[in-house]
Amino acid sequence: MKADHPPRAAETPNMRILMLLVAGVLFMEFLDGTVITTALPAMARSFAVSAIDLNAGISAYLFALGVFIPISSWAADRYGARRIFASAIIIFTVASLFCGLANGLVTFIAVRVIQGFGGAMMVPVGRLIVLRHTPKDRLISTIATLVWPALVAPVLGPMIGGLIATYASWRWIFYLNIPLGLFALATAIATVPDMRAETSRPFDWRGFFLSSSGILMLLYGAELFTGANINITRATLAIMGGALLLVAAFSYLKRAAAPMLDLHAFGIPTFAAALRGGSLARAAIGSAPFLLPLMFQLGFGFDAVRSGFLVTAVFVGNLVMKSMTSPILRRFGFRHVLVWNGVFSVLWLFACAFLSPDTPQIAVLLFLFVGGLTRSLQFTTINTVAFADVPQQQIGPANALFSTIFQLSLGAGVAFGAIAIRLGSFVARTIGAHSHAVEYHIAFALVSLAALISLVDAIQLERGSGDEFAGRESKAISRQQ
């Protein structure tokens, strides 16, 4: 396929501009999943509904992402990566405009589904474009840049949404996407190379139905667990139904001639470890930006401004680690970083259970800054090792599979945090604990246990896994000799 070969010299894009473009649209997409959470009361007043009803707007967006991400690779091969990427930006931007203009809940939800469809094409196709045009020796730093939006958006989103809703109109949350989208579109047309398969494969309707339905059911079940009035039976049935559909999809995709999602990359140990243990780690570590503000405000009694100020220390840690990730991976290798930084991440999550309203603020800021460092390094290492041993001709299918499971694990992070809080509340009532924050302390302990379990896959990796990819050839050769 044409897309599987390095681009000709005339087609070679300016990689720095391309990387920043893709990171920018990824940030827009991830931010829109979280930015409206603190603006829900203001939006509810505009629509004359309850704030709880507006949760459907968040869910619709995330559901659309999960359902349509599996078709991204097929669409890029069939119609060309540049056309799909540019079209996705147009859809996302126009949908943002109509989100801002919406005057009713039904209209808003419908437009959020369309916006989610645009985002579903932007995320994996953008990552695919970068993966196919980045030399192997620069891929670690590139993926570190692409991971950054997923790390930062959950931290900054609620704060940005709250500021806009307080000092302007909630509609500007969506209007701000318009100039950004127009700039991204112009840049995409000028810089994104035209990649497509020489022969198009037929659309796999059965694979699409099984995989998308399974993802939709899992996300729906996770959403039910985060609601104010949880229906445990319905949530459990939805998750079980989604799991069964995904098992059926896995069985079908393994034997399909032209599957919607190609599972061959699962045979690569580093890729499989990044998806199995890595997904659990992303869900556990990714729950921290959800748990921390709740603990600070509902458990400790801090106001939203103080809580937001403290959580930004996590963002600063993410930002500082970005420039340090490549040297650390080249010095220590993927396996050592995954295991030892994973241990630090587990200890950090567990230590969150010992924070209290009396903990000095400077100590909390330093503690959260360190958490941002470990969180960023673990996320980037997981996302990078996934492609360390993937052959160039499998980059497209592997990226589609990775993007699908990546979206699931991000959605699971919030649900996992919510479930941990409910279990923490149950344990607190059972043991007769009366502290307002005890359920959050127990939740962090449970989340740290999940992060610990996620290390099993990293420990089982062979020594030297991905060393060549990390620029550690000499050490890998010396061990073999």
Foldseek 3Di string as FASTA:
>chain_A
DQLLDADDPVQQFPLVLLLVLLLLVLLVLLLVLFQCLLVLVQLCVQAVHDSLLLVLLSLLLLLLLLLQLLQQLLCCQVPWLLVLQLVLLVQLLVLLLVCLVDRHSVSNSVSSSSNSPSSSNSNLSSVLQSVSNDPLQCVLLSLLSNCLSVQCSLLCRHVNSNVCVVPHNSSVSSVVSNVVSVVSSVSSVVGGGTDHHPDRDDDDPLLSCLSSQLLSLLLVLLVLLQHPDHDPVSSVVSNVVSVVSVVVSVVCLPPDPDHSFHPPLCVPLLLVLLLQLVLLLCLLLLLVSVLQLCCVCQQAVDDNVLSSVLSCLLVLLLVVLSVVQLVVCLVANLLVLLQPLLVVLLVLLLCVLVDHNPDDSVVSSVSSSVNSNSSSNNNSSSVSSSCLPPRSSCSSSSSSVCSSSNSSSSSSNNSLLSVQLVVLVVVCVVVVPDRSNRSSSSSSNVSSVSSVVSCPSSVPDDPCRSNVSSVNVVVVVVVVD
